[in-house]
Amino acid sequence: MPRSTTLPALELRCGQSPVLVREFPNGLEHFQAFVGGLIDVINLEPATIAEVDSIYQVKSGTRACIVVNDEGINLELPLNRVASIIAGQPVFGDALLCDVP
């Protein structure tokens, strides 16, 4: 099955309210541009996905993740409180919640 060129995503920018994007470009270069560097992926538990979907209407499916900057703590990026709560671990810098690409 061909990979979709876009996917629904929830932009989790530091210090801002989450923003739902219905058609975020699907691709490594787009994820890296959003987080500002190398990426890491935090897979989410099904219960967390259901809760986030019910609040933000992301409709991310059953294999959602949060894409983060892999070097966020080393680069001294600010703590992303919303992404950290969703991920259940500290997240530094902007993050993107989406279906596993």
C-alpha atoms as a PDB file:
ATOM      1  CA  MET A   1       0.000   0.000   0.000  1.00  0.00           C
ATOM      2  CA  PRO A   2       1.487   3.397  -0.953  1.00  0.00           C
ATOM      3  CA  ARG A   3       2.355   5.821   1.812  1.00  0.00           C
ATOM      4  CA  SER A   4       0.024   8.791   2.176  1.00  0.00           C
ATOM      5  CA  THR A   5       1.572  12.163   1.308  1.00  0.00           C
ATOM      6  CA  THR A   6      -0.187  13.844   4.243  1.00  0.00           C
ATOM      7  CA  LEU A   7      -1.516  12.801   7.633  1.00  0.00           C
ATOM      8  CA  PRO A   8      -3.546  14.432  10.406  1.00  0.00           C
ATOM      9  CA  ALA A   9      -1.336  15.743  13.178  1.00  0.00           C
ATOM     10  CA  LEU A  10      -1.437  17.753  16.361  1.00  0.00           C
ATOM     11  CA  GLU A  11       1.280  20.397  16.504  1.00  0.00           C
ATOM     12  CA  LEU A  12       2.579  20.689  20.071  1.00  0.00           C
ATOM     13  CA  ARG A  13       4.658  23.872  20.154  1.00  0.00           C
ATOM     14  CA  CYS A  14       6.297  24.960  23.398  1.00  0.00           C
ATOM     15  CA  GLY A  15       4.209  27.480  25.299  1.00  0.00           C
ATOM     16  CA  GLN A  16       1.324  27.401  22.814  1.00  0.00           C
ATOM     17  CA  SER A  17      -2.004  25.638  22.602  1.00  0.00           C
ATOM     18  CA  PRO A  18      -2.017  22.479  20.460  1.00  0.00           C
ATOM     19  CA  VAL A  19      -3.050  23.047  16.847  1.00  0.00           C
ATOM     20  CA  LEU A  20      -4.773  20.384  14.762  1.00  0.00           C
ATOM     21  CA  VAL A  21      -3.445  20.151  11.204  1.00  0.00           C
ATOM     22  CA  ARG A  22      -5.577  17.988   8.944  1.00  0.00           C
ATOM     23  CA  GLU A  23      -2.915  17.563   6.254  1.00  0.00           C
ATOM     24  CA  PHE A  24       0.620  17.648   7.651  1.00  0.00           C
ATOM     25  CA  PRO A  25       3.208  16.638   4.985  1.00  0.00           C
ATOM     26  CA  ASN A  26       4.334  13.040   5.561  1.00  0.00           C
ATOM     27  CA  GLY A  27       8.089  12.676   5.241  1.00  0.00           C
ATOM     28  CA  LEU A  28      11.310  12.696   7.226  1.00  0.00           C
ATOM     29  CA  GLU A  29      12.367  16.122   5.978  1.00  0.00           C
ATOM     30  CA  HIS A  30       9.042  17.640   7.107  1.00  0.00           C
ATOM     31  CA  PHE A  31       9.273  16.053  10.567  1.00  0.00           C
ATOM     32  CA  GLN A  32      12.878  17.258  10.952  1.00  0.00           C
ATOM     33  CA  ALA A  33      11.953  20.781   9.859  1.00  0.00           C
ATOM     34  CA  PHE A  34       9.114  20.915  12.392  1.00  0.00           C
ATOM     35  CA  VAL A  35      11.174  19.750  15.399  1.00  0.00           C
ATOM     36  CA  GLY A  36      14.323  21.558  14.265  1.00  0.00           C
ATOM     37  CA  GLY A  37      16.715  18.637  13.906  1.00  0.00           C
ATOM     38  CA  LEU A  38      17.099  14.886  14.147  1.00  0.00           C
ATOM     39  CA  ILE A  39      13.929  13.103  15.185  1.00  0.00           C
ATOM     40  CA  ASP A  40      13.026  10.488  17.738  1.00  0.00           C
ATOM     41  CA  VAL A  41       9.642   8.779  17.972  1.00  0.00           C
ATOM     42  CA  ILE A  42       7.775   8.094  21.217  1.00  0.00           C
ATOM     43  CA  ASN A  43       5.094   5.465  20.684  1.00  0.00           C
ATOM     44  CA  LEU A  44       1.900   6.038  22.653  1.00  0.00           C
ATOM     45  CA  GLU A  45      -0.236   3.529  24.525  1.00  0.00           C
ATOM     46  CA  PRO A  46      -3.749   2.884  23.121  1.00  0.00           C
ATOM     47  CA  ALA A  47      -5.432   4.436  26.198  1.00  0.00           C
ATOM     48  CA  THR A  48      -3.411   7.637  25.741  1.00  0.00           C
ATOM     49  CA  ILE A  49      -4.292   7.756  22.046  1.00  0.00           C
ATOM     50  CA  ALA A  50      -8.010   7.394  22.814  1.00  0.00           C
ATOM     51  CA  GLU A  51      -7.862  10.167  25.420  1.00  0.00           C
ATOM     52  CA  VAL A  52      -6.000  12.565  23.117  1.00  0.00           C
ATOM     53  CA  ASP A  53      -8.385  11.791  20.243  1.00  0.00           C
ATOM     54  CA  SER A  54     -11.396  12.496  22.459  1.00  0.00           C
ATOM     55  CA  ILE A  55      -9.999  15.901  23.485  1.00  0.00           C
ATOM     56  CA  TYR A  56      -8.469  17.135  20.225  1.00  0.00           C
ATOM     57  CA  GLN A  57     -10.303  15.052  17.585  1.00  0.00           C
ATOM     58  CA  VAL A  58      -7.005  14.054  15.965  1.00  0.00           C
ATOM     59  CA  LYS A  59      -8.358  10.712  14.681  1.00  0.00           C
ATOM     60  CA  SER A  60      -4.810   9.404  14.716  1.00  0.00           C
ATOM     61  CA  GLY A  61      -5.693   5.731  14.689  1.00  0.00           C
ATOM     62  CA  THR A  62      -4.334   3.037  16.960  1.00  0.00           C
ATOM     63  CA  ARG A  63      -0.625   3.503  16.277  1.00  0.00           C
ATOM     64  CA  ALA A  64      -0.032   7.138  17.200  1.00  0.00           C
ATOM     65  CA  CYS A  65       3.306   8.575  18.236  1.00  0.00           C
ATOM     66  CA  ILE A  66       4.942  11.838  19.188  1.00  0.00           C
ATOM     67  CA  VAL A  67       7.794  12.996  16.957  1.00  0.00           C
ATOM     68  CA  VAL A  68      10.382  14.936  18.981  1.00  0.00           C
ATOM     69  CA  ASN A  69      13.828  16.465  18.556  1.00  0.00           C
ATOM     70  CA  ASP A  70      16.285  13.690  19.426  1.00  0.00           C
ATOM     71  CA  GLU A  71      18.764  16.204  20.847  1.00  0.00           C
ATOM     72  CA  GLY A  72      16.237  18.472  22.572  1.00  0.00           C
ATOM     73  CA  ILE A  73      17.769  18.216  26.036  1.00  0.00           C
ATOM     74  CA  ASN A  74      21.360  18.573  24.740  1.00  0.00           C
ATOM     75  CA  LEU A  75      20.353  21.645  22.726  1.00  0.00           C
ATOM     76  CA  GLU A  76      18.725  23.057  25.884  1.00  0.00           C
ATOM     77  CA  LEU A  77      15.342  23.396  24.192  1.00  0.00           C
ATOM     78  CA  PRO A  78      12.506  24.396  26.528  1.00  0.00           C
ATOM     79  CA  LEU A  79      10.386  21.780  28.237  1.00  0.00           C
ATOM     80  CA  ASN A  80       7.223  21.099  26.256  1.00  0.00           C
ATOM     81  CA  ARG A  81       4.677  20.633  29.027  1.00  0.00           C
ATOM     82  CA  VAL A  82       1.763  19.418  26.889  1.00  0.00           C
ATOM     83  CA  ALA A  83       3.873  16.921  24.921  1.00  0.00           C
ATOM     84  CA  SER A  84       5.486  15.723  28.170  1.00  0.00           C
ATOM     85  CA  ILE A  85       2.096  15.036  29.764  1.00  0.00           C
ATOM     86  CA  ILE A  86       0.879  13.131  26.712  1.00  0.00           C
ATOM     87  CA  ALA A  87       4.139  11.182  26.311  1.00  0.00           C
ATOM     88  CA  GLY A  88       4.501  10.415  30.017  1.00  0.00           C
ATOM     89  CA  GLN A  89       8.127  11.550  29.909  1.00  0.00           C
ATOM     90  CA  PRO A  90       9.971  14.853  29.489  1.00  0.00           C
ATOM     91  CA  VAL A  91       9.899  16.273  25.953  1.00  0.00           C
ATOM     92  CA  PHE A  92      12.056  19.256  25.027  1.00  0.00           C
ATOM     93  CA  GLY A  93      11.225  21.494  22.079  1.00  0.00           C
ATOM     94  CA  ASP A  94       8.341  21.421  19.639  1.00  0.00           C
ATOM     95  CA  ALA A  95       6.709  18.055  19.019  1.00  0.00           C
ATOM     96  CA  LEU A  96       4.205  16.529  16.633  1.00  0.00           C
ATOM     97  CA  LEU A  97       1.560  13.960  17.518  1.00  0.00           C
ATOM     98  CA  CYS A  98       0.565  11.868  14.516  1.00  0.00           C
ATOM     99  CA  ASP A  99      -0.158   8.372  13.311  1.00  0.00           C
ATOM    100  CA  VAL A 100       2.998   6.288  12.977  1.00  0.00           C
ATOM    101  CA  PRO A 101       4.277   7.288   9.533  1.00  0.00           C
END
